[in-house]
Amino acid sequence: MSPRAAEFVKRLRRFQMRVADPATRRDLNRRLAKKNSEADVTFQYYEQRPQLANYTIQSEISRMEYQVVP
């Protein structure tokens, strides 16, 4: 593995650990809620429909395309 690739792997592992931290998720959700007042409405929608939430997580999310934006 090249030094550049090794550095990216190292950074991705650090990112993975941060994302797994509940405090990081809470902070991220708080920041997103400030930018998007619809976030609470979306969360409530899925909390009231657990079957739809499970379907979305298991089937729909894997169909989306994702990009990492620094």
N, C-alpha and C. Protein backbone atom coordinates (compact mmCIF):
# COMPACT_ATOMS: atom_id res chain seq x y z
N MET A 1 0.86 -1.17 0.00
CA MET A 1 0.00 0.00 0.00
C MET A 1 0.90 1.23 0.00
N SER A 2 0.54 2.18 -0.83
CA SER A 2 1.34 3.40 -0.92
C SER A 2 1.16 4.22 0.37
N PRO A 3 2.11 5.11 0.66
CA PRO A 3 1.97 5.97 1.84
C PRO A 3 0.70 6.82 1.79
N ARG A 4 0.34 7.28 0.60
CA ARG A 4 -0.87 8.09 0.48
C ARG A 4 -2.12 7.26 0.80
N ALA A 5 -2.19 6.05 0.27
CA ALA A 5 -3.32 5.17 0.56
C ALA A 5 -3.37 4.82 2.04
N ALA A 6 -2.21 4.57 2.63
CA ALA A 6 -2.16 4.26 4.07
C ALA A 6 -2.69 5.43 4.90
N GLU A 7 -2.38 6.63 4.49
CA GLU A 7 -2.87 7.81 5.20
C GLU A 7 -4.39 7.92 5.09
N PHE A 8 -4.93 7.64 3.91
CA PHE A 8 -6.39 7.67 3.74
C PHE A 8 -7.06 6.60 4.60
N VAL A 9 -6.48 5.42 4.64
CA VAL A 9 -7.04 4.35 5.48
C VAL A 9 -7.03 4.78 6.94
N LYS A 10 -5.94 5.37 7.36
CA LYS A 10 -5.83 5.86 8.74
C LYS A 10 -6.91 6.90 9.04
N ARG A 11 -7.11 7.83 8.12
CA ARG A 11 -8.13 8.88 8.30
C ARG A 11 -9.54 8.29 8.31
N LEU A 12 -9.78 7.33 7.43
CA LEU A 12 -11.10 6.70 7.39
C LEU A 12 -11.39 5.92 8.67
N ARG A 13 -10.40 5.27 9.24
CA ARG A 13 -10.59 4.57 10.51
C ARG A 13 -10.91 5.54 11.64
N ARG A 14 -10.20 6.66 11.66
CA ARG A 14 -10.51 7.70 12.67
C ARG A 14 -11.93 8.21 12.50
N PHE A 15 -12.31 8.47 11.24
CA PHE A 15 -13.67 8.92 10.95
C PHE A 15 -14.69 7.88 11.40
N GLN A 16 -14.43 6.63 11.11
CA GLN A 16 -15.34 5.55 11.50
C GLN A 16 -15.53 5.52 13.01
N MET A 17 -14.47 5.69 13.76
CA MET A 17 -14.56 5.69 15.23
C MET A 17 -15.36 6.90 15.71
N ARG A 18 -15.17 8.04 15.09
CA ARG A 18 -15.91 9.24 15.49
C ARG A 18 -17.40 9.08 15.20
N VAL A 19 -17.73 8.51 14.04
CA VAL A 19 -19.13 8.33 13.68
C VAL A 19 -19.81 7.33 14.62
N ALA A 20 -19.07 6.35 15.10
CA ALA A 20 -19.63 5.35 16.01
C ALA A 20 -19.87 5.92 17.41
N ASP A 21 -19.26 7.04 17.72
CA ASP A 21 -19.41 7.65 19.05
C ASP A 21 -20.78 8.33 19.15
N PRO A 22 -21.61 7.94 20.14
CA PRO A 22 -22.94 8.56 20.28
C PRO A 22 -22.88 10.08 20.45
N ALA A 23 -21.86 10.59 21.11
CA ALA A 23 -21.74 12.04 21.28
C ALA A 23 -21.56 12.73 19.93
N THR A 24 -20.82 12.12 19.03
CA THR A 24 -20.62 12.68 17.71
C THR A 24 -21.94 12.70 16.95
N ARG A 25 -22.69 11.61 17.03
CA ARG A 25 -23.99 11.57 16.35
C ARG A 25 -24.94 12.62 16.91
N ARG A 26 -24.95 12.78 18.23
CA ARG A 26 -25.82 13.80 18.83
C ARG A 26 -25.43 15.19 18.34
N ASP A 27 -24.13 15.47 18.32
CA ASP A 27 -23.66 16.77 17.86
C ASP A 27 -24.02 16.99 16.39
N LEU A 28 -23.82 15.97 15.57
CA LEU A 28 -24.15 16.08 14.16
C LEU A 28 -25.64 16.30 13.96
N ASN A 29 -26.48 15.55 14.68
CA ASN A 29 -27.92 15.75 14.58
C ASN A 29 -28.32 17.15 15.01
N ARG A 30 -27.68 17.66 16.05
CA ARG A 30 -27.98 19.02 16.52
C ARG A 30 -27.62 20.03 15.44
N ARG A 31 -26.46 19.87 14.83
CA ARG A 31 -26.05 20.79 13.77
C ARG A 31 -26.96 20.71 12.55
N LEU A 32 -27.35 19.50 12.19
CA LEU A 32 -28.24 19.33 11.05
C LEU A 32 -29.61 19.93 11.33
N ALA A 33 -30.08 19.78 12.54
CA ALA A 33 -31.39 20.31 12.90
C ALA A 33 -31.41 21.83 12.79
N LYS A 34 -30.30 22.46 13.10
CA LYS A 34 -30.23 23.92 12.96
C LYS A 34 -30.36 24.33 11.50
N LYS A 35 -29.76 23.52 10.61
CA LYS A 35 -29.78 23.86 9.20
C LYS A 35 -31.06 23.41 8.52
N ASN A 36 -31.70 22.41 9.08
CA ASN A 36 -32.88 21.85 8.44
C ASN A 36 -33.98 21.65 9.47
N SER A 37 -34.91 22.57 9.51
CA SER A 37 -35.98 22.47 10.49
C SER A 37 -36.90 21.29 10.21
N GLU A 38 -36.78 20.70 9.04
CA GLU A 38 -37.59 19.54 8.69
C GLU A 38 -37.06 18.25 9.32
N ALA A 39 -35.88 18.27 9.89
CA ALA A 39 -35.27 17.05 10.43
C ALA A 39 -36.14 16.42 11.50
N ASP A 40 -36.67 17.20 12.41
CA ASP A 40 -37.52 16.65 13.46
C ASP A 40 -38.78 16.03 12.89
N VAL A 41 -39.34 16.66 11.89
CA VAL A 41 -40.54 16.12 11.25
C VAL A 41 -40.23 14.77 10.62
N THR A 42 -39.09 14.67 9.96
CA THR A 42 -38.69 13.41 9.34
C THR A 42 -38.49 12.33 10.38
N PHE A 43 -37.77 12.65 11.46
CA PHE A 43 -37.55 11.66 12.52
C PHE A 43 -38.86 11.20 13.13
N GLN A 44 -39.78 12.12 13.38
CA GLN A 44 -41.08 11.76 13.95
C GLN A 44 -41.86 10.86 13.00
N TYR A 45 -41.78 11.16 11.72
CA TYR A 45 -42.48 10.37 10.72
C TYR A 45 -42.05 8.90 10.82
N TYR A 46 -40.74 8.66 10.86
CA TYR A 46 -40.25 7.29 10.92
C TYR A 46 -40.44 6.66 12.30
N GLU A 47 -40.37 7.44 13.35
CA GLU A 47 -40.61 6.90 14.69
C GLU A 47 -42.05 6.40 14.82
N GLN A 48 -42.98 7.04 14.16
CA GLN A 48 -44.38 6.64 14.21
C GLN A 48 -44.68 5.47 13.27
N ARG A 49 -43.74 5.16 12.40
CA ARG A 49 -43.92 4.08 11.42
C ARG A 49 -42.70 3.16 11.44
N PRO A 50 -42.54 2.35 12.49
CA PRO A 50 -41.33 1.52 12.60
C PRO A 50 -41.15 0.54 11.44
N GLN A 51 -42.25 0.02 10.87
CA GLN A 51 -42.11 -0.90 9.75
C GLN A 51 -41.52 -0.18 8.53
N LEU A 52 -41.98 1.04 8.30
CA LEU A 52 -41.45 1.81 7.18
C LEU A 52 -39.99 2.19 7.44
N ALA A 53 -39.67 2.51 8.67
CA ALA A 53 -38.28 2.82 9.01
C ALA A 53 -37.38 1.62 8.72
N ASN A 54 -37.82 0.42 9.13
CA ASN A 54 -37.02 -0.79 8.86
C ASN A 54 -36.88 -1.04 7.37
N TYR A 55 -37.97 -0.87 6.63
CA TYR A 55 -37.92 -1.06 5.18
C TYR A 55 -36.94 -0.08 4.55
N THR A 56 -37.03 1.17 4.96
CA THR A 56 -36.14 2.20 4.41
C THR A 56 -34.69 1.86 4.68
N ILE A 57 -34.39 1.48 5.91
CA ILE A 57 -33.01 1.15 6.28
C ILE A 57 -32.51 -0.07 5.53
N GLN A 58 -33.34 -1.10 5.44
CA GLN A 58 -32.90 -2.35 4.83
C GLN A 58 -32.92 -2.33 3.30
N SER A 59 -33.84 -1.58 2.71
CA SER A 59 -33.99 -1.65 1.25
C SER A 59 -33.62 -0.36 0.51
N GLU A 60 -34.07 0.75 1.02
CA GLU A 60 -33.92 2.00 0.27
C GLU A 60 -32.53 2.63 0.40
N ILE A 61 -31.96 2.60 1.57
CA ILE A 61 -30.69 3.29 1.78
C ILE A 61 -29.59 2.71 0.89
N SER A 62 -29.61 1.39 0.70
CA SER A 62 -28.58 0.77 -0.15
C SER A 62 -28.72 1.17 -1.62
N ARG A 63 -29.86 1.69 -2.01
CA ARG A 63 -30.07 2.11 -3.39
C ARG A 63 -29.52 3.50 -3.68
N MET A 64 -29.26 4.26 -2.64
CA MET A 64 -28.79 5.64 -2.81
C MET A 64 -27.31 5.68 -3.12
N GLU A 65 -26.89 6.76 -3.73
CA GLU A 65 -25.48 6.99 -3.98
C GLU A 65 -24.97 7.96 -2.93
N TYR A 66 -23.75 7.74 -2.46
CA TYR A 66 -23.18 8.57 -1.42
C TYR A 66 -21.85 9.15 -1.90
N GLN A 67 -21.54 10.34 -1.38
CA GLN A 67 -20.26 10.97 -1.65
C GLN A 67 -19.72 11.51 -0.35
N VAL A 68 -18.41 11.39 -0.18
CA VAL A 68 -17.75 12.00 0.96
C VAL A 68 -17.30 13.38 0.52
N VAL A 69 -17.78 14.40 1.21
CA VAL A 69 -17.44 15.78 0.87
C VAL A 69 -16.64 16.38 2.02
N PRO A 70 -15.39 16.70 1.77
CA PRO A 70 -14.57 17.27 2.87
C PRO A 70 -15.02 18.68 3.23
